[in-house]
Amino acid sequence: MTTGETNLVTHRIVPPTMCDSKGVIVMADETGGIKELRDAADRGKEAIAERDQLKREIAFMKAGVDTDSKAGQLLFKAYDGELDTESIKAEWQELAPTPVPVVEPEPAQETVTEADTQVAEQRQALAEDNVPVEATTQSPYDKGFQEFKEMYDAGSPKEDSAARFVHTVLEAASQNDERVLSD
């Protein structure tokens, strides 16, 4: 400085609570506030990213994209177009086109001839004439015992009469009579 110039240095006045013993400004209070602001900004960024992710998921669901399938997962990760339903559907159709349903032709109506009708009637008549073994009122054991008694009373040897009883029971078993068969 020259002799004619005045010293125009302005000193900044800092309250004593913000300076340490050496006169250095202490920024502890200000850095705490800035840190909180930065944390709030980070939380805001995370919330925006989460919201955008949810919007994306909803858009894909509305478009009918199966994000559980491999193709759906790939489209979800790679798609960078507009999040409107029609655009996403168009991309999805290119990756996984909807299969065209196969229409089975109706079976041809069978023509029934008179011979077929007669055969069916004959079968029905045969089925009606056949009485199942289970429909009889007498059990095979009772019938076998009755035959045993008749033969024995008529003078047949006991072994022959017993063989007749066994034959009656075995015959019922061969015809799948549930009263004779056991599990």
N, C-alpha and C. Protein backbone atom coordinates (compact mmCIF):
# COMPACT_ATOMS: atom_id res chain seq x y z
N MET A 1 0.82 -1.16 0.00
CA MET A 1 0.00 0.00 0.00
C MET A 1 0.87 1.24 0.00
N THR A 2 0.36 2.15 -0.71
CA THR A 2 1.09 3.42 -0.75
C THR A 2 0.62 4.31 0.37
N THR A 3 1.32 5.41 0.58
CA THR A 3 1.04 6.25 1.73
C THR A 3 -0.28 6.98 1.60
N GLY A 4 -0.78 7.22 0.44
CA GLY A 4 -2.01 7.97 0.29
C GLY A 4 -3.25 7.09 0.27
N GLU A 5 -3.05 5.84 0.24
CA GLU A 5 -4.20 4.94 0.18
C GLU A 5 -4.58 4.50 1.57
N THR A 6 -5.82 4.30 1.71
CA THR A 6 -6.30 3.82 3.01
C THR A 6 -6.55 2.33 2.94
N ASN A 7 -6.45 1.78 4.03
CA ASN A 7 -6.68 0.34 4.10
C ASN A 7 -8.18 0.10 4.19
N LEU A 8 -8.75 -0.43 3.11
CA LEU A 8 -10.19 -0.68 3.07
C LEU A 8 -10.50 -2.17 3.25
N VAL A 9 -9.83 -2.82 4.06
CA VAL A 9 -10.09 -4.24 4.30
C VAL A 9 -11.25 -4.32 5.28
N THR A 10 -12.23 -4.99 4.85
CA THR A 10 -13.38 -5.15 5.74
C THR A 10 -13.27 -6.48 6.46
N HIS A 11 -13.52 -6.42 7.64
CA HIS A 11 -13.49 -7.64 8.44
C HIS A 11 -14.90 -8.15 8.61
N ARG A 12 -14.97 -9.39 8.48
CA ARG A 12 -16.26 -10.04 8.64
C ARG A 12 -16.51 -10.26 10.12
N ILE A 13 -17.68 -9.95 10.52
CA ILE A 13 -18.00 -10.12 11.93
C ILE A 13 -18.75 -11.45 12.06
N VAL A 14 -18.17 -12.30 12.85
CA VAL A 14 -18.74 -13.62 13.07
C VAL A 14 -19.09 -13.72 14.53
N PRO A 15 -20.25 -14.15 14.82
CA PRO A 15 -20.59 -14.29 16.24
C PRO A 15 -19.63 -15.27 16.91
N PRO A 16 -19.30 -15.04 18.14
CA PRO A 16 -18.31 -15.86 18.82
C PRO A 16 -18.73 -17.32 18.97
N THR A 17 -19.99 -17.63 18.92
CA THR A 17 -20.43 -19.02 19.08
C THR A 17 -20.07 -19.85 17.87
N MET A 18 -19.75 -19.22 16.74
CA MET A 18 -19.47 -19.96 15.53
C MET A 18 -17.98 -20.04 15.25
N CYS A 19 -17.16 -19.57 16.16
CA CYS A 19 -15.72 -19.62 15.98
C CYS A 19 -15.11 -20.43 17.10
N ASP A 20 -14.02 -21.08 16.76
CA ASP A 20 -13.31 -21.79 17.82
C ASP A 20 -12.31 -20.84 18.46
N SER A 21 -11.48 -21.32 19.30
CA SER A 21 -10.54 -20.45 20.03
C SER A 21 -9.52 -19.80 19.12
N LYS A 22 -9.28 -20.34 17.94
CA LYS A 22 -8.30 -19.76 17.01
C LYS A 22 -8.98 -18.85 16.00
N GLY A 23 -10.30 -18.68 16.10
CA GLY A 23 -11.00 -17.81 15.17
C GLY A 23 -11.47 -18.52 13.92
N VAL A 24 -11.36 -19.86 13.85
CA VAL A 24 -11.83 -20.63 12.70
C VAL A 24 -13.32 -20.86 12.87
N ILE A 25 -14.03 -20.61 11.81
CA ILE A 25 -15.48 -20.76 11.87
C ILE A 25 -15.83 -22.24 12.04
N VAL A 26 -16.66 -22.52 12.97
CA VAL A 26 -17.13 -23.88 13.25
C VAL A 26 -18.41 -24.09 12.47
N MET A 27 -18.41 -25.12 11.60
CA MET A 27 -19.56 -25.36 10.74
C MET A 27 -20.39 -26.56 11.21
N ALA A 28 -20.20 -26.96 12.44
CA ALA A 28 -20.86 -28.17 12.93
C ALA A 28 -22.37 -28.07 12.77
N ASP A 29 -22.94 -26.93 13.15
CA ASP A 29 -24.38 -26.79 13.05
C ASP A 29 -24.83 -26.79 11.61
N GLU A 30 -24.09 -26.13 10.75
CA GLU A 30 -24.47 -26.05 9.34
C GLU A 30 -24.29 -27.39 8.66
N THR A 31 -23.20 -28.13 8.96
CA THR A 31 -22.99 -29.42 8.28
C THR A 31 -24.05 -30.41 8.69
N GLY A 32 -24.52 -30.34 9.94
CA GLY A 32 -25.62 -31.22 10.37
C GLY A 32 -26.86 -30.95 9.54
N GLY A 33 -27.16 -29.72 9.28
CA GLY A 33 -28.32 -29.36 8.47
C GLY A 33 -28.15 -29.81 7.03
N ILE A 34 -26.95 -29.65 6.49
CA ILE A 34 -26.68 -30.07 5.11
C ILE A 34 -26.77 -31.59 4.99
N LYS A 35 -26.24 -32.26 6.01
CA LYS A 35 -26.29 -33.73 6.00
C LYS A 35 -27.74 -34.22 5.98
N GLU A 36 -28.57 -33.59 6.77
CA GLU A 36 -29.98 -33.97 6.80
C GLU A 36 -30.64 -33.71 5.46
N LEU A 37 -30.29 -32.59 4.85
CA LEU A 37 -30.84 -32.28 3.53
C LEU A 37 -30.40 -33.31 2.49
N ARG A 38 -29.12 -33.70 2.56
CA ARG A 38 -28.63 -34.70 1.61
C ARG A 38 -29.33 -36.04 1.83
N ASP A 39 -29.51 -36.43 3.09
CA ASP A 39 -30.22 -37.67 3.39
C ASP A 39 -31.66 -37.62 2.88
N ALA A 40 -32.30 -36.49 3.07
CA ALA A 40 -33.68 -36.34 2.59
C ALA A 40 -33.72 -36.41 1.07
N ALA A 41 -32.73 -35.81 0.41
CA ALA A 41 -32.67 -35.87 -1.06
C ALA A 41 -32.46 -37.31 -1.52
N ASP A 42 -31.60 -38.06 -0.82
CA ASP A 42 -31.37 -39.46 -1.18
C ASP A 42 -32.65 -40.28 -1.00
N ARG A 43 -33.36 -40.05 0.10
CA ARG A 43 -34.62 -40.77 0.33
C ARG A 43 -35.64 -40.40 -0.74
N GLY A 44 -35.65 -39.15 -1.14
CA GLY A 44 -36.56 -38.72 -2.21
C GLY A 44 -36.24 -39.40 -3.52
N LYS A 45 -34.94 -39.52 -3.83
CA LYS A 45 -34.53 -40.20 -5.06
C LYS A 45 -34.94 -41.68 -5.03
N GLU A 46 -34.76 -42.31 -3.86
CA GLU A 46 -35.14 -43.72 -3.73
C GLU A 46 -36.65 -43.88 -3.89
N ALA A 47 -37.42 -42.97 -3.31
CA ALA A 47 -38.88 -43.04 -3.42
C ALA A 47 -39.32 -42.85 -4.87
N ILE A 48 -38.66 -41.95 -5.57
CA ILE A 48 -39.00 -41.73 -6.99
C ILE A 48 -38.67 -42.97 -7.81
N ALA A 49 -37.51 -43.58 -7.54
CA ALA A 49 -37.12 -44.79 -8.26
C ALA A 49 -38.10 -45.93 -7.98
N GLU A 50 -38.52 -46.06 -6.73
CA GLU A 50 -39.49 -47.10 -6.35
C GLU A 50 -40.83 -46.85 -7.03
N ARG A 51 -41.27 -45.59 -7.03
CA ARG A 51 -42.53 -45.24 -7.69
C ARG A 51 -42.46 -45.57 -9.17
N ASP A 52 -41.34 -45.21 -9.82
CA ASP A 52 -41.19 -45.50 -11.25
C ASP A 52 -41.20 -47.01 -11.51
N GLN A 53 -40.58 -47.78 -10.62
CA GLN A 53 -40.57 -49.24 -10.76
C GLN A 53 -42.00 -49.79 -10.64
N LEU A 54 -42.76 -49.29 -9.67
CA LEU A 54 -44.14 -49.74 -9.50
C LEU A 54 -45.01 -49.36 -10.69
N LYS A 55 -44.81 -48.15 -11.22
CA LYS A 55 -45.55 -47.73 -12.42
C LYS A 55 -45.25 -48.68 -13.57
N ARG A 56 -43.99 -49.06 -13.70
CA ARG A 56 -43.56 -49.96 -14.78
C ARG A 56 -44.22 -51.34 -14.60
N GLU A 57 -44.20 -51.85 -13.37
CA GLU A 57 -44.81 -53.15 -13.11
C GLU A 57 -46.30 -53.13 -13.41
N ILE A 58 -46.98 -52.07 -13.00
CA ILE A 58 -48.42 -51.95 -13.25
C ILE A 58 -48.70 -51.88 -14.74
N ALA A 59 -47.90 -51.13 -15.47
CA ALA A 59 -48.08 -51.02 -16.91
C ALA A 59 -47.92 -52.38 -17.59
N PHE A 60 -46.95 -53.17 -17.16
CA PHE A 60 -46.73 -54.49 -17.75
C PHE A 60 -47.88 -55.44 -17.38
N MET A 61 -48.38 -55.33 -16.14
CA MET A 61 -49.50 -56.18 -15.75
C MET A 61 -50.74 -55.83 -16.56
N LYS A 62 -51.01 -54.54 -16.75
CA LYS A 62 -52.17 -54.11 -17.53
C LYS A 62 -52.07 -54.58 -18.97
N ALA A 63 -50.84 -54.67 -19.48
CA ALA A 63 -50.64 -55.11 -20.86
C ALA A 63 -50.71 -56.63 -20.99
N GLY A 64 -50.82 -57.33 -19.86
CA GLY A 64 -50.95 -58.78 -19.90
C GLY A 64 -49.63 -59.52 -20.05
N VAL A 65 -48.53 -58.90 -19.69
CA VAL A 65 -47.22 -59.54 -19.80
C VAL A 65 -47.01 -60.44 -18.59
N ASP A 66 -46.67 -61.67 -18.84
CA ASP A 66 -46.38 -62.63 -17.77
C ASP A 66 -44.93 -62.43 -17.33
N THR A 67 -44.74 -61.60 -16.31
CA THR A 67 -43.38 -61.29 -15.87
C THR A 67 -42.75 -62.42 -15.08
N ASP A 68 -43.49 -63.51 -14.86
CA ASP A 68 -42.91 -64.69 -14.22
C ASP A 68 -42.21 -65.58 -15.23
N SER A 69 -42.59 -65.45 -16.51
CA SER A 69 -41.94 -66.25 -17.54
C SER A 69 -40.60 -65.62 -17.92
N LYS A 70 -39.73 -66.41 -18.53
CA LYS A 70 -38.42 -65.88 -18.93
C LYS A 70 -38.57 -64.77 -19.95
N ALA A 71 -39.46 -64.97 -20.93
CA ALA A 71 -39.66 -63.94 -21.95
C ALA A 71 -40.18 -62.65 -21.32
N GLY A 72 -41.11 -62.78 -20.35
CA GLY A 72 -41.66 -61.61 -19.67
C GLY A 72 -40.61 -60.88 -18.87
N GLN A 73 -39.72 -61.63 -18.20
CA GLN A 73 -38.66 -61.02 -17.42
C GLN A 73 -37.68 -60.28 -18.33
N LEU A 74 -37.36 -60.88 -19.48
CA LEU A 74 -36.45 -60.22 -20.42
C LEU A 74 -37.05 -58.93 -20.96
N LEU A 75 -38.33 -59.00 -21.32
CA LEU A 75 -38.99 -57.80 -21.83
C LEU A 75 -39.04 -56.72 -20.75
N PHE A 76 -39.33 -57.10 -19.52
CA PHE A 76 -39.42 -56.14 -18.42
C PHE A 76 -38.09 -55.43 -18.23
N LYS A 77 -36.98 -56.16 -18.31
CA LYS A 77 -35.66 -55.56 -18.11
C LYS A 77 -35.23 -54.72 -19.31
N ALA A 78 -35.55 -55.18 -20.51
CA ALA A 78 -34.99 -54.55 -21.71
C ALA A 78 -35.88 -53.45 -22.30
N TYR A 79 -37.16 -53.45 -21.99
CA TYR A 79 -38.08 -52.50 -22.62
C TYR A 79 -37.76 -51.08 -22.20
N ASP A 80 -37.61 -50.19 -23.20
CA ASP A 80 -37.32 -48.80 -22.89
C ASP A 80 -38.27 -47.85 -23.60
N GLY A 81 -39.40 -48.37 -24.06
CA GLY A 81 -40.38 -47.53 -24.76
C GLY A 81 -41.36 -46.89 -23.78
N GLU A 82 -42.43 -46.36 -24.36
CA GLU A 82 -43.47 -45.71 -23.57
C GLU A 82 -44.16 -46.76 -22.70
N LEU A 83 -44.62 -46.35 -21.54
CA LEU A 83 -45.27 -47.28 -20.63
C LEU A 83 -46.78 -47.32 -20.82
N ASP A 84 -47.23 -47.14 -22.05
CA ASP A 84 -48.66 -47.27 -22.30
C ASP A 84 -48.95 -48.72 -22.69
N THR A 85 -50.15 -49.14 -22.39
CA THR A 85 -50.54 -50.54 -22.54
C THR A 85 -50.36 -51.05 -23.97
N GLU A 86 -50.75 -50.28 -24.95
CA GLU A 86 -50.69 -50.73 -26.34
C GLU A 86 -49.25 -50.96 -26.81
N SER A 87 -48.35 -50.07 -26.44
CA SER A 87 -46.94 -50.23 -26.85
C SER A 87 -46.34 -51.49 -26.24
N ILE A 88 -46.62 -51.70 -24.96
CA ILE A 88 -46.08 -52.88 -24.28
C ILE A 88 -46.69 -54.15 -24.87
N LYS A 89 -48.01 -54.12 -25.16
CA LYS A 89 -48.66 -55.29 -25.76
C LYS A 89 -48.03 -55.63 -27.10
N ALA A 90 -47.75 -54.60 -27.89
CA ALA A 90 -47.15 -54.84 -29.20
C ALA A 90 -45.79 -55.52 -29.07
N GLU A 91 -44.97 -55.06 -28.14
CA GLU A 91 -43.66 -55.68 -27.91
C GLU A 91 -43.83 -57.11 -27.41
N TRP A 92 -44.79 -57.31 -26.52
CA TRP A 92 -45.02 -58.64 -25.95
C TRP A 92 -45.47 -59.62 -27.03
N GLN A 93 -46.31 -59.16 -27.94
CA GLN A 93 -46.79 -60.03 -29.02
C GLN A 93 -45.65 -60.45 -29.94
N GLU A 94 -44.66 -59.58 -30.10
CA GLU A 94 -43.51 -59.95 -30.92
C GLU A 94 -42.66 -61.02 -30.25
N LEU A 95 -42.53 -60.93 -28.92
CA LEU A 95 -41.71 -61.90 -28.19
C LEU A 95 -42.44 -63.21 -27.93
N ALA A 96 -43.67 -63.12 -27.51
CA ALA A 96 -44.45 -64.30 -27.15
C ALA A 96 -45.84 -64.18 -27.75
N PRO A 97 -45.96 -64.46 -29.05
CA PRO A 97 -47.29 -64.32 -29.67
C PRO A 97 -48.29 -65.29 -29.04
N THR A 98 -49.52 -64.84 -28.97
CA THR A 98 -50.58 -65.67 -28.42
C THR A 98 -50.83 -66.83 -29.36
N PRO A 99 -50.78 -68.04 -28.85
CA PRO A 99 -51.01 -69.18 -29.73
C PRO A 99 -52.45 -69.18 -30.24
N VAL A 100 -52.58 -69.55 -31.49
CA VAL A 100 -53.91 -69.63 -32.08
C VAL A 100 -54.56 -70.90 -31.57
N PRO A 101 -55.75 -70.79 -30.97
CA PRO A 101 -56.38 -71.99 -30.44
C PRO A 101 -56.71 -72.97 -31.57
N VAL A 102 -56.43 -74.23 -31.31
CA VAL A 102 -56.70 -75.28 -32.29
C VAL A 102 -58.14 -75.71 -32.12
N VAL A 103 -58.89 -75.61 -33.18
CA VAL A 103 -60.29 -75.99 -33.14
C VAL A 103 -60.39 -77.43 -33.62
N GLU A 104 -60.84 -78.28 -32.74
CA GLU A 104 -61.01 -79.68 -33.08
C GLU A 104 -62.28 -79.82 -33.90
N PRO A 105 -62.17 -80.53 -35.02
CA PRO A 105 -63.41 -80.74 -35.79
C PRO A 105 -64.34 -81.66 -35.02
N GLU A 106 -65.61 -81.40 -35.17
CA GLU A 106 -66.59 -82.23 -34.48
C GLU A 106 -66.56 -83.63 -35.10
N PRO A 107 -66.68 -84.64 -34.27
CA PRO A 107 -66.67 -85.99 -34.82
C PRO A 107 -67.87 -86.18 -35.74
N ALA A 108 -67.61 -86.90 -36.78
CA ALA A 108 -68.68 -87.15 -37.76
C ALA A 108 -69.77 -87.99 -37.10
N GLN A 109 -70.98 -87.66 -37.45
CA GLN A 109 -72.11 -88.42 -36.93
C GLN A 109 -72.07 -89.82 -37.52
N GLU A 110 -72.13 -90.80 -36.64
CA GLU A 110 -72.12 -92.17 -37.13
C GLU A 110 -73.50 -92.50 -37.68
N THR A 111 -73.47 -93.12 -38.81
CA THR A 111 -74.75 -93.56 -39.39
C THR A 111 -75.06 -94.93 -38.83
N VAL A 112 -76.24 -95.05 -38.32
CA VAL A 112 -76.68 -96.30 -37.71
C VAL A 112 -77.53 -97.05 -38.73
N THR A 113 -77.07 -98.24 -39.03
CA THR A 113 -77.81 -99.06 -40.00
C THR A 113 -78.80 -99.95 -39.26
N GLU A 114 -79.66 -100.56 -40.02
CA GLU A 114 -80.65 -101.45 -39.42
C GLU A 114 -79.95 -102.65 -38.78
N ALA A 115 -78.87 -103.11 -39.39
CA ALA A 115 -78.13 -104.25 -38.84
C ALA A 115 -77.53 -103.87 -37.48
N ASP A 116 -77.02 -102.63 -37.36
CA ASP A 116 -76.48 -102.18 -36.09
C ASP A 116 -77.57 -102.16 -35.01
N THR A 117 -78.74 -101.72 -35.39
CA THR A 117 -79.86 -101.66 -34.46
C THR A 117 -80.24 -103.06 -33.99
N GLN A 118 -80.28 -104.01 -34.90
CA GLN A 118 -80.63 -105.39 -34.55
C GLN A 118 -79.58 -105.99 -33.61
N VAL A 119 -78.32 -105.76 -33.91
CA VAL A 119 -77.25 -106.29 -33.05
C VAL A 119 -77.37 -105.70 -31.65
N ALA A 120 -77.63 -104.40 -31.55
CA ALA A 120 -77.76 -103.75 -30.25
C ALA A 120 -78.94 -104.32 -29.48
N GLU A 121 -80.04 -104.58 -30.17
CA GLU A 121 -81.23 -105.17 -29.52
C GLU A 121 -80.93 -106.58 -29.02
N GLN A 122 -80.20 -107.35 -29.82
CA GLN A 122 -79.86 -108.71 -29.41
C GLN A 122 -78.95 -108.70 -28.18
N ARG A 123 -78.00 -107.80 -28.18
CA ARG A 123 -77.11 -107.69 -27.02
C ARG A 123 -77.89 -107.31 -25.77
N GLN A 124 -78.83 -106.40 -25.93
CA GLN A 124 -79.65 -105.96 -24.80
C GLN A 124 -80.48 -107.13 -24.28
N ALA A 125 -81.04 -107.90 -25.18
CA ALA A 125 -81.85 -109.05 -24.77
C ALA A 125 -81.00 -110.07 -24.02
N LEU A 126 -79.79 -110.32 -24.50
CA LEU A 126 -78.91 -111.26 -23.82
C LEU A 126 -78.53 -110.75 -22.44
N ALA A 127 -78.28 -109.47 -22.33
CA ALA A 127 -77.91 -108.89 -21.04
C ALA A 127 -79.06 -108.97 -20.05
N GLU A 128 -80.29 -108.82 -20.54
CA GLU A 128 -81.45 -108.88 -19.65
C GLU A 128 -81.70 -110.31 -19.16
N ASP A 129 -81.39 -111.32 -20.00
CA ASP A 129 -81.60 -112.71 -19.62
C ASP A 129 -80.59 -113.17 -18.60
N ASN A 130 -79.41 -112.60 -18.58
CA ASN A 130 -78.35 -113.03 -17.68
C ASN A 130 -78.57 -112.42 -16.31
N VAL A 131 -78.71 -113.24 -15.32
CA VAL A 131 -78.90 -112.78 -13.95
C VAL A 131 -77.56 -112.93 -13.23
N PRO A 132 -77.03 -111.86 -12.70
CA PRO A 132 -75.75 -111.97 -12.02
C PRO A 132 -75.85 -112.88 -10.80
N VAL A 133 -74.74 -113.50 -10.47
CA VAL A 133 -74.70 -114.46 -9.37
C VAL A 133 -75.11 -113.79 -8.06
N GLU A 134 -74.71 -112.54 -7.88
CA GLU A 134 -75.01 -111.84 -6.64
C GLU A 134 -76.50 -111.58 -6.47
N ALA A 135 -77.26 -111.63 -7.57
CA ALA A 135 -78.68 -111.34 -7.49
C ALA A 135 -79.47 -112.50 -6.89
N THR A 136 -78.89 -113.68 -6.83
CA THR A 136 -79.62 -114.80 -6.22
C THR A 136 -79.76 -114.55 -4.74
N THR A 137 -80.81 -115.08 -4.18
CA THR A 137 -81.06 -114.85 -2.76
C THR A 137 -80.27 -115.78 -1.87
N GLN A 138 -79.86 -116.91 -2.40
CA GLN A 138 -79.15 -117.89 -1.60
C GLN A 138 -77.64 -117.73 -1.80
N SER A 139 -76.90 -117.70 -0.71
CA SER A 139 -75.45 -117.55 -0.82
C SER A 139 -74.85 -118.85 -1.34
N PRO A 140 -73.69 -118.79 -1.97
CA PRO A 140 -73.06 -120.00 -2.48
C PRO A 140 -72.77 -121.01 -1.35
N TYR A 141 -72.47 -120.54 -0.17
CA TYR A 141 -72.21 -121.45 0.95
C TYR A 141 -73.48 -122.20 1.33
N ASP A 142 -74.60 -121.46 1.39
CA ASP A 142 -75.87 -122.11 1.73
C ASP A 142 -76.26 -123.12 0.66
N LYS A 143 -76.10 -122.71 -0.62
CA LYS A 143 -76.44 -123.61 -1.73
C LYS A 143 -75.54 -124.85 -1.71
N GLY A 144 -74.23 -124.66 -1.47
CA GLY A 144 -73.29 -125.79 -1.38
C GLY A 144 -73.65 -126.72 -0.23
N PHE A 145 -74.03 -126.16 0.92
CA PHE A 145 -74.41 -127.00 2.05
C PHE A 145 -75.69 -127.78 1.75
N GLN A 146 -76.64 -127.11 1.07
CA GLN A 146 -77.88 -127.78 0.70
C GLN A 146 -77.60 -128.95 -0.24
N GLU A 147 -76.72 -128.73 -1.24
CA GLU A 147 -76.36 -129.81 -2.16
C GLU A 147 -75.60 -130.93 -1.43
N PHE A 148 -74.73 -130.55 -0.49
CA PHE A 148 -74.02 -131.54 0.31
C PHE A 148 -75.01 -132.41 1.06
N LYS A 149 -75.98 -131.79 1.72
CA LYS A 149 -76.96 -132.51 2.53
C LYS A 149 -77.81 -133.43 1.67
N GLU A 150 -78.25 -132.92 0.48
CA GLU A 150 -79.08 -133.75 -0.41
C GLU A 150 -78.31 -134.98 -0.87
N MET A 151 -77.05 -134.80 -1.27
CA MET A 151 -76.24 -135.94 -1.74
C MET A 151 -75.95 -136.92 -0.59
N TYR A 152 -75.66 -136.39 0.58
CA TYR A 152 -75.33 -137.25 1.72
C TYR A 152 -76.56 -138.05 2.17
N ASP A 153 -77.72 -137.35 2.18
CA ASP A 153 -78.97 -138.02 2.56
C ASP A 153 -79.37 -139.06 1.52
N ALA A 154 -78.96 -138.84 0.24
CA ALA A 154 -79.28 -139.78 -0.83
C ALA A 154 -78.35 -140.98 -0.81
N GLY A 155 -77.35 -141.02 0.11
CA GLY A 155 -76.47 -142.16 0.24
C GLY A 155 -75.11 -141.97 -0.39
N SER A 156 -74.79 -140.78 -0.88
CA SER A 156 -73.46 -140.55 -1.44
C SER A 156 -72.44 -140.52 -0.31
N PRO A 157 -71.20 -140.94 -0.61
CA PRO A 157 -70.18 -140.88 0.43
C PRO A 157 -69.96 -139.43 0.89
N LYS A 158 -69.48 -139.30 2.10
CA LYS A 158 -69.27 -137.97 2.69
C LYS A 158 -68.27 -137.16 1.88
N GLU A 159 -67.21 -137.80 1.36
CA GLU A 159 -66.20 -137.10 0.58
C GLU A 159 -66.78 -136.54 -0.72
N ASP A 160 -67.65 -137.31 -1.38
CA ASP A 160 -68.28 -136.84 -2.62
C ASP A 160 -69.23 -135.67 -2.33
N SER A 161 -69.96 -135.78 -1.24
CA SER A 161 -70.89 -134.70 -0.86
C SER A 161 -70.11 -133.42 -0.53
N ALA A 162 -68.98 -133.59 0.19
CA ALA A 162 -68.15 -132.43 0.52
C ALA A 162 -67.53 -131.83 -0.73
N ALA A 163 -67.14 -132.70 -1.70
CA ALA A 163 -66.59 -132.21 -2.97
C ALA A 163 -67.64 -131.38 -3.71
N ARG A 164 -68.90 -131.79 -3.61
CA ARG A 164 -69.97 -131.01 -4.26
C ARG A 164 -70.07 -129.62 -3.62
N PHE A 165 -69.96 -129.56 -2.30
CA PHE A 165 -70.00 -128.28 -1.59
C PHE A 165 -68.85 -127.38 -2.06
N VAL A 166 -67.63 -127.92 -2.09
CA VAL A 166 -66.47 -127.15 -2.52
C VAL A 166 -66.63 -126.70 -3.96
N HIS A 167 -67.15 -127.58 -4.82
CA HIS A 167 -67.36 -127.24 -6.23
C HIS A 167 -68.31 -126.05 -6.36
N THR A 168 -69.38 -126.04 -5.60
CA THR A 168 -70.37 -124.94 -5.66
C THR A 168 -69.72 -123.62 -5.25
N VAL A 169 -68.93 -123.65 -4.20
CA VAL A 169 -68.28 -122.42 -3.73
C VAL A 169 -67.23 -121.94 -4.74
N LEU A 170 -66.43 -122.86 -5.26
CA LEU A 170 -65.41 -122.49 -6.24
C LEU A 170 -66.03 -121.97 -7.54
N GLU A 171 -67.14 -122.54 -7.94
CA GLU A 171 -67.83 -122.08 -9.14
C GLU A 171 -68.30 -120.63 -8.96
N ALA A 172 -68.81 -120.30 -7.78
CA ALA A 172 -69.23 -118.92 -7.50
C ALA A 172 -68.02 -118.00 -7.51
N ALA A 173 -66.89 -118.46 -7.00
CA ALA A 173 -65.67 -117.63 -7.00
C ALA A 173 -65.18 -117.39 -8.41
N SER A 174 -65.29 -118.39 -9.28
CA SER A 174 -64.84 -118.22 -10.67
C SER A 174 -65.72 -117.23 -11.42
N GLN A 175 -66.93 -117.02 -10.92
CA GLN A 175 -67.83 -116.04 -11.54
C GLN A 175 -67.77 -114.70 -10.81
N ASN A 176 -66.72 -114.53 -10.01
CA ASN A 176 -66.46 -113.27 -9.28
C ASN A 176 -67.59 -112.89 -8.33
N ASP A 177 -68.15 -113.86 -7.68
CA ASP A 177 -69.19 -113.61 -6.69
C ASP A 177 -68.53 -113.00 -5.46
N GLU A 178 -68.85 -111.76 -5.15
CA GLU A 178 -68.22 -111.03 -4.06
C GLU A 178 -68.49 -111.67 -2.69
N ARG A 179 -69.55 -112.47 -2.60
CA ARG A 179 -69.86 -113.10 -1.34
C ARG A 179 -68.88 -114.21 -1.00
N VAL A 180 -68.16 -114.70 -2.00
CA VAL A 180 -67.20 -115.79 -1.80
C VAL A 180 -65.78 -115.22 -1.73
N LEU A 181 -65.52 -114.22 -2.53
CA LEU A 181 -64.17 -113.64 -2.60
C LEU A 181 -63.96 -112.73 -1.41
N SER A 182 -62.77 -112.78 -0.86
CA SER A 182 -62.44 -111.87 0.25
C SER A 182 -61.15 -111.17 -0.10
N ASP A 183 -61.01 -109.96 0.44
CA ASP A 183 -59.82 -109.16 0.15
C ASP A 183 -58.66 -109.57 0.97
